[in-house]
Amino acid sequence: MHHLLTRREMIKILGTAGLGIAGLPLLSIAMQESSMRTRPIPSTGEELPVVGLGTWIQFDVGTSEAERAPLRKVLQLMAEKGGKVIDSSPMYGNSEEVIGDLTTELGIADRFFYATKVWTSGRERGIRQMQASMRKMRRDTIDLMQVHNLLDWKNHLETLKEWKRQGKVRYIGVTHHTASSHSRLQDIVESEDIDFVQFNYSIRERHAERGLLDAARENGVAVIINEPYEGGSLFRAVRGMEVPGWAADFDINSWGQFFLKFILSHPAVTCVIPGTSDPEHLVDNMGAGYGRLPDDAIRRKMVQFMEDL
C-alpha cells in the first residue's frame, strides 16, 4: 500500500499545480532529453529503450472493462513515453493473452518488443507452450523467448537455437529471479550462445555485482533486470521520507526513479522491467529512462544512504 501512497502523494501535488498525469513527464524528465535513453543489444547492435514493463500479477486479469481499462492506459502511455520491452510468461496467468488483446485493440502492437518465456519440462511440451504464447500475444515472431527460471534449460535452449535459425524468435535467453541462481546463470552466459539473460538486481540486492553483471558484459549478452523494487520492500523502507536533494542533480524526482536509475547506471544493464498496472506509476517509471544517470561516486552515495536507514 505504501508503494501506492508514496507515488500518489506526488501526483496529488502535481494536480494542485494544474499538471496531473499530463504534466508528470515534464517533472520526471525536466525536459532534459526528447526521447528515452537506449542501449544496444550486444549480439546485433539493435537499440532498446532502457525502461520496459513487467506483467507478473498486474496483467493477470479477466475480460471486464474495469479490469482492462487501466492496463490499456498503461500500454498506451508506455508507447507514448518511449518504452518498448514487455516481459511476460505462461506462468503469469492471463498476462500474455491480455497483452495481445490490448496492444491489438490500441493499434500499437508493432511498437513493442515482446519478451516471454517457456516454463515447462520436455521438448515437445515446451514447443506447444511457446506456440500457445505466440497465439496469445498475437505475434508471428517473438522478439525474445527465454527459459523461465532455468527449468529444463538445456532442452529448451536447443529448441530456441533452432527457432532462431528459422526466424520464429529473434533473440533467446535465460532467466531467474533469485540471487542463489546467479552462479548458474553466469555459467550459461559464459558457455552458451545466448542473446539475453534476465535476473534480479536492486540497490540493496547487489549479489549480481559479484560476477554475473561483468560476465554478461564481457560475453556480449544483454541484461534485463527484474525485481527492481524488491517486491515493494524498497518503498516501505523509505516510507515517509523525501528523496534526498542531491538526487535531483541526476534528474531523480521520485523514489521509483531513485531505485531504477541506480540499476540503469550500471553499464552492463540493458533494460529494467518494473511491473505496474497503474498509469501514474508507469509514467513515473518511464521517467527513469530520461536525463542523467548517477556516476560511480553517486552510486556509492545512494547505497550508503539506503544502508544508513
Protein backbone atom coordinates (compact mmCIF):
# COMPACT_ATOMS: atom_id res chain seq x y z
CA MET A 1 0.00 0.00 0.00
CA HIS A 2 2.80 2.44 0.76
CA HIS A 3 4.09 2.00 -2.76
CA LEU A 4 0.80 3.46 -3.96
CA LEU A 5 0.62 6.22 -1.36
CA THR A 6 4.14 7.47 -1.91
CA ARG A 7 3.60 7.98 -5.61
CA ARG A 8 0.04 9.18 -5.29
CA GLU A 9 1.12 11.89 -2.91
CA MET A 10 3.46 13.16 -5.60
CA ILE A 11 0.70 13.01 -8.21
CA LYS A 12 -1.61 14.93 -5.86
CA ILE A 13 0.96 17.68 -5.55
CA LEU A 14 1.22 17.87 -9.32
CA GLY A 15 -2.54 18.05 -9.55
CA THR A 16 -2.68 21.10 -7.33
CA ALA A 17 -0.33 22.78 -9.76
CA GLY A 18 -2.68 22.00 -12.62
CA LEU A 19 -0.38 19.41 -14.18
CA GLY A 20 -1.86 15.98 -13.40
CA ILE A 21 -0.71 12.94 -15.37
CA ALA A 22 -0.07 15.01 -18.45
CA GLY A 23 2.43 17.12 -16.51
CA LEU A 24 4.18 14.28 -14.72
CA PRO A 25 6.63 13.56 -17.54
CA LEU A 26 7.65 17.22 -17.51
CA LEU A 27 8.63 16.95 -13.89
CA SER A 28 10.12 13.48 -14.30
CA ILE A 29 12.48 14.30 -17.13
CA ALA A 30 12.83 18.05 -16.66
CA MET A 31 12.88 18.30 -20.44
CA GLN A 32 16.47 17.09 -20.45
CA GLU A 33 16.02 14.82 -23.46
CA SER A 34 13.43 14.38 -26.16
CA SER A 35 13.47 10.58 -26.18
CA MET A 36 14.17 7.77 -23.78
CA ARG A 37 17.74 6.59 -23.33
CA THR A 38 18.54 3.40 -25.25
CA ARG A 39 21.26 0.76 -25.09
CA PRO A 40 22.34 -1.68 -27.78
CA ILE A 41 21.65 -5.40 -27.70
CA PRO A 42 25.25 -6.64 -27.92
CA SER A 43 24.60 -9.50 -30.34
CA THR A 44 23.11 -7.24 -33.03
CA GLY A 45 23.51 -3.59 -32.05
CA GLU A 46 19.74 -3.04 -32.09
CA GLU A 47 18.89 -0.20 -29.72
CA LEU A 48 16.47 -0.93 -26.90
CA PRO A 49 14.83 1.64 -24.59
CA VAL A 50 16.15 1.15 -21.07
CA VAL A 51 12.82 1.01 -19.18
CA GLY A 52 10.26 -1.62 -20.02
CA LEU A 53 7.30 -3.30 -18.33
CA GLY A 54 6.90 -6.45 -16.26
CA THR A 55 3.48 -8.09 -16.23
CA TRP A 56 3.54 -10.64 -13.41
CA ILE A 57 0.32 -10.38 -11.34
CA GLN A 58 -0.68 -6.96 -12.73
CA PHE A 59 -1.74 -8.23 -16.16
CA ASP A 60 -3.32 -11.47 -14.95
CA VAL A 61 -6.89 -10.20 -15.22
CA GLY A 62 -10.16 -11.22 -16.79
CA THR A 63 -12.10 -9.71 -19.67
CA SER A 64 -14.09 -6.99 -17.91
CA GLU A 65 -13.60 -3.36 -18.90
CA ALA A 66 -13.00 -2.43 -15.27
CA GLU A 67 -10.03 -4.80 -15.12
CA ARG A 68 -8.59 -3.99 -18.52
CA ALA A 69 -9.08 -0.22 -18.79
CA PRO A 70 -6.10 0.75 -16.61
CA LEU A 71 -3.88 -1.76 -18.39
CA ARG A 72 -4.90 -0.34 -21.75
CA LYS A 73 -3.88 3.10 -20.49
CA VAL A 74 -0.57 1.72 -19.18
CA LEU A 75 0.30 0.33 -22.61
CA GLN A 76 -0.78 3.48 -24.40
CA LEU A 77 1.31 5.68 -22.11
CA MET A 78 4.25 3.33 -22.36
CA ALA A 79 4.29 3.70 -26.13
CA GLU A 80 3.96 7.49 -25.86
CA LYS A 81 6.83 7.76 -23.37
CA GLY A 82 9.20 5.59 -25.38
CA GLY A 83 9.04 2.27 -23.56
CA LYS A 84 9.22 -0.86 -25.66
CA VAL A 85 10.01 -4.10 -23.82
CA ILE A 86 7.01 -6.01 -22.45
CA ASP A 87 8.01 -9.09 -20.48
CA SER A 88 5.60 -11.93 -19.76
CA SER A 89 5.42 -15.70 -19.22
CA PRO A 90 2.94 -18.59 -19.29
CA MET A 91 3.48 -18.57 -15.52
CA TYR A 92 1.73 -15.20 -15.36
CA GLY A 93 -1.79 -16.50 -15.88
CA ASN A 94 -3.73 -14.49 -18.49
CA SER A 95 -0.99 -11.90 -18.98
CA GLU A 96 0.13 -13.00 -22.46
CA GLU A 97 -3.43 -13.00 -23.77
CA VAL A 98 -4.21 -9.64 -22.19
CA ILE A 99 -1.10 -8.13 -23.76
CA GLY A 100 -2.04 -9.49 -27.16
CA ASP A 101 -5.62 -8.31 -26.91
CA LEU A 102 -4.88 -4.80 -25.67
CA THR A 103 -1.95 -3.96 -27.94
CA THR A 104 -4.06 -5.08 -30.90
CA GLU A 105 -7.10 -3.09 -29.77
CA LEU A 106 -4.96 0.01 -29.40
CA GLY A 107 -3.47 -0.40 -32.86
CA ILE A 108 0.08 -0.16 -31.49
CA ALA A 109 1.05 -3.82 -31.46
CA ASP A 110 4.09 -3.31 -33.69
CA ARG A 111 5.57 -0.63 -31.44
CA PHE A 112 6.67 -3.05 -28.73
CA PHE A 113 9.43 -5.59 -28.13
CA TYR A 114 7.73 -8.78 -26.92
CA ALA A 115 9.59 -10.97 -24.44
CA THR A 116 8.06 -14.10 -22.99
CA LYS A 117 9.23 -17.47 -21.71
CA VAL A 118 8.98 -21.22 -21.82
CA TRP A 119 8.12 -22.68 -18.43
CA THR A 120 7.69 -26.44 -18.55
CA SER A 121 9.69 -29.66 -18.83
CA GLY A 122 10.22 -31.65 -22.03
CA ARG A 123 10.97 -30.61 -25.58
CA GLU A 124 7.52 -31.22 -27.05
CA ARG A 125 5.68 -29.61 -24.15
CA GLY A 126 7.99 -26.64 -24.50
CA ILE A 127 7.24 -26.32 -28.21
CA ARG A 128 3.49 -26.48 -27.62
CA GLN A 129 3.71 -23.91 -24.85
CA MET A 130 5.74 -21.48 -26.94
CA GLN A 131 3.36 -21.85 -29.86
CA ALA A 132 0.48 -21.06 -27.50
CA SER A 133 2.32 -17.98 -26.25
CA MET A 134 2.72 -16.70 -29.79
CA ARG A 135 -1.00 -17.14 -30.42
CA LYS A 136 -1.96 -15.42 -27.18
CA MET A 137 0.35 -12.48 -27.81
CA ARG A 138 -0.79 -12.38 -31.46
CA ARG A 139 2.74 -12.49 -32.82
CA ASP A 140 4.07 -14.39 -35.80
CA THR A 141 7.56 -13.84 -34.39
CA ILE A 142 8.51 -13.35 -30.74
CA ASP A 143 11.25 -10.81 -30.18
CA LEU A 144 12.72 -12.62 -27.19
CA MET A 145 11.98 -16.12 -25.91
CA GLN A 146 13.56 -17.03 -22.58
CA VAL A 147 13.82 -20.18 -20.49
CA HIS A 148 11.94 -19.27 -17.33
CA ASN A 149 13.82 -19.91 -14.07
CA LEU A 150 16.17 -22.29 -15.93
CA LEU A 151 13.52 -25.02 -15.97
CA ASP A 152 14.83 -27.75 -18.30
CA TRP A 153 17.04 -25.10 -19.86
CA LYS A 154 19.34 -27.39 -21.86
CA ASN A 155 16.42 -28.97 -23.66
CA HIS A 156 14.69 -25.68 -24.39
CA LEU A 157 17.84 -23.85 -25.49
CA GLU A 158 18.34 -26.42 -28.24
CA THR A 159 14.81 -25.74 -29.47
CA LEU A 160 15.31 -21.99 -29.19
CA LYS A 161 18.53 -22.06 -31.17
CA GLU A 162 16.71 -23.88 -33.96
CA TRP A 163 13.75 -21.49 -33.77
CA LYS A 164 16.12 -18.56 -34.02
CA ARG A 165 17.67 -20.01 -37.17
CA GLN A 166 14.15 -20.45 -38.57
CA GLY A 167 13.16 -16.88 -37.70
CA LYS A 168 10.42 -17.83 -35.22
CA VAL A 169 12.21 -15.89 -32.49
CA ARG A 170 14.65 -13.03 -32.89
CA TYR A 171 16.56 -13.42 -29.63
CA ILE A 172 16.94 -16.14 -27.00
CA GLY A 173 17.86 -16.12 -23.34
CA VAL A 174 17.50 -17.50 -19.81
CA THR A 175 16.02 -16.04 -16.63
CA HIS A 176 15.80 -16.35 -12.88
CA HIS A 177 14.73 -14.13 -10.02
CA THR A 178 16.86 -15.21 -7.05
CA ALA A 179 20.46 -14.47 -6.09
CA SER A 180 21.08 -18.16 -5.47
CA SER A 181 20.70 -18.73 -9.22
CA HIS A 182 23.35 -16.22 -10.28
CA SER A 183 26.23 -18.67 -10.45
CA ARG A 184 24.27 -20.97 -12.75
CA LEU A 185 23.24 -18.04 -14.92
CA GLN A 186 26.86 -16.92 -15.11
CA ASP A 187 27.97 -20.37 -16.23
CA ILE A 188 25.40 -20.28 -19.04
CA VAL A 189 26.36 -16.74 -20.05
CA GLU A 190 29.98 -17.85 -20.33
CA SER A 191 29.34 -21.14 -22.14
CA GLU A 192 26.21 -20.79 -24.29
CA ASP A 193 25.39 -18.71 -27.36
CA ILE A 194 22.53 -16.62 -25.96
CA ASP A 195 21.44 -13.04 -26.53
CA PHE A 196 19.85 -12.14 -23.17
CA VAL A 197 20.00 -13.01 -19.51
CA GLN A 198 17.37 -11.80 -17.05
CA PHE A 199 17.82 -11.71 -13.29
CA ASN A 200 17.19 -9.75 -10.09
CA TYR A 201 19.28 -6.74 -9.11
CA SER A 202 18.49 -3.73 -6.95
CA ILE A 203 20.10 -1.12 -4.76
CA ARG A 204 20.02 -3.44 -1.73
CA GLU A 205 20.27 -6.81 -3.51
CA ARG A 206 23.58 -6.41 -5.31
CA HIS A 207 24.71 -10.03 -5.47
CA ALA A 208 24.85 -9.78 -9.27
CA GLU A 209 27.78 -7.38 -8.92
CA ARG A 210 29.95 -10.27 -7.73
CA GLY A 211 30.35 -11.61 -11.24
CA LEU A 212 27.16 -12.03 -13.23
CA LEU A 213 26.87 -8.45 -14.48
CA ASP A 214 30.51 -8.36 -15.55
CA ALA A 215 30.22 -11.77 -17.21
CA ALA A 216 27.24 -10.61 -19.27
CA ARG A 217 29.10 -7.52 -20.41
CA GLU A 218 32.30 -9.40 -21.24
CA ASN A 219 30.43 -12.07 -23.20
CA GLY A 220 28.19 -9.70 -25.14
CA VAL A 221 24.91 -10.73 -23.51
CA ALA A 222 22.13 -8.20 -22.97
CA VAL A 223 20.80 -7.85 -19.41
CA ILE A 224 17.17 -7.44 -18.34
CA ILE A 225 16.66 -6.70 -14.65
CA ASN A 226 13.64 -7.96 -12.72
CA GLU A 227 12.63 -7.30 -9.09
CA PRO A 228 13.97 -3.72 -9.19
CA TYR A 229 11.82 -2.70 -6.21
CA GLU A 230 12.33 -5.95 -4.26
CA GLY A 231 8.62 -6.69 -4.31
CA GLY A 232 7.83 -3.21 -3.00
CA SER A 233 10.00 -3.52 0.12
CA LEU A 234 12.23 -0.66 -1.05
CA PHE A 235 9.27 1.73 -0.92
CA ARG A 236 8.40 0.54 2.56
CA ALA A 237 11.97 1.19 3.66
CA VAL A 238 11.71 4.88 2.71
CA ARG A 239 8.16 5.40 3.87
CA GLY A 240 7.52 8.98 4.91
CA MET A 241 10.89 10.17 3.67
CA GLU A 242 11.71 12.65 0.93
CA VAL A 243 14.11 11.82 -1.87
CA PRO A 244 17.47 13.39 -0.91
CA GLY A 245 18.02 16.76 -2.54
CA TRP A 246 21.32 15.74 -4.16
CA ALA A 247 19.47 13.17 -6.26
CA ALA A 248 17.91 15.98 -8.31
CA ASP A 249 21.32 16.56 -9.90
CA PHE A 250 20.69 13.31 -11.75
CA ASP A 251 17.09 14.10 -12.73
CA ILE A 252 15.69 11.86 -9.98
CA ASN A 253 12.30 13.14 -8.86
CA SER A 254 10.79 10.16 -7.03
CA TRP A 255 11.81 7.10 -5.06
CA GLY A 256 10.90 4.91 -8.04
CA GLN A 257 13.35 6.81 -10.22
CA PHE A 258 15.95 6.70 -7.43
CA PHE A 259 15.82 2.89 -7.40
CA LEU A 260 15.60 2.47 -11.17
CA LYS A 261 18.38 4.92 -12.01
CA PHE A 262 20.72 3.13 -9.64
CA ILE A 263 20.16 -0.02 -11.69
CA LEU A 264 20.41 1.72 -15.05
CA SER A 265 23.65 3.41 -14.08
CA HIS A 266 25.39 0.03 -14.22
CA PRO A 267 26.89 -0.22 -17.73
CA ALA A 268 26.01 -3.91 -18.13
CA VAL A 269 22.27 -3.31 -17.75
CA THR A 270 20.30 -3.10 -21.00
CA CYS A 271 16.76 -2.74 -19.66
CA VAL A 272 14.84 -2.83 -16.39
CA ILE A 273 11.25 -4.08 -16.24
CA PRO A 274 9.28 -2.75 -13.24
CA GLY A 275 5.78 -4.14 -13.17
CA THR A 276 2.71 -1.96 -12.76
CA SER A 277 -0.97 -1.74 -13.60
CA ASP A 278 -1.17 1.93 -12.59
CA PRO A 279 -0.86 4.55 -15.35
CA GLU A 280 0.62 7.12 -12.97
CA HIS A 281 3.31 4.69 -11.83
CA LEU A 282 4.02 3.76 -15.43
CA VAL A 283 4.76 7.36 -16.34
CA ASP A 284 6.99 7.72 -13.30
CA ASN A 285 8.86 4.53 -14.18
CA MET A 286 9.38 5.68 -17.75
CA GLY A 287 10.84 8.92 -16.39
CA ALA A 288 13.84 6.96 -15.13
CA GLY A 289 14.86 6.43 -18.73
CA TYR A 290 15.38 10.15 -19.27
CA GLY A 291 18.02 12.57 -18.09
CA ARG A 292 21.32 12.00 -16.35
CA LEU A 293 22.40 8.76 -14.67
CA PRO A 294 24.38 8.54 -11.44
CA ASP A 295 28.15 8.24 -11.72
CA ASP A 296 30.21 5.84 -9.60
CA ALA A 297 30.54 8.29 -6.71
CA ILE A 298 26.80 8.90 -6.57
CA ARG A 299 26.09 5.17 -6.85
CA ARG A 300 28.16 4.65 -3.72
CA LYS A 301 26.35 7.53 -2.03
CA MET A 302 22.97 6.01 -2.94
CA VAL A 303 23.97 2.65 -1.49
CA GLN A 304 25.24 4.27 1.70
CA PHE A 305 22.01 6.23 2.03
CA MET A 306 19.97 3.02 1.95
CA GLU A 307 22.33 1.23 4.31
CA ASP A 308 22.03 4.05 6.83
CA LEU A 309 18.25 3.83 7.05
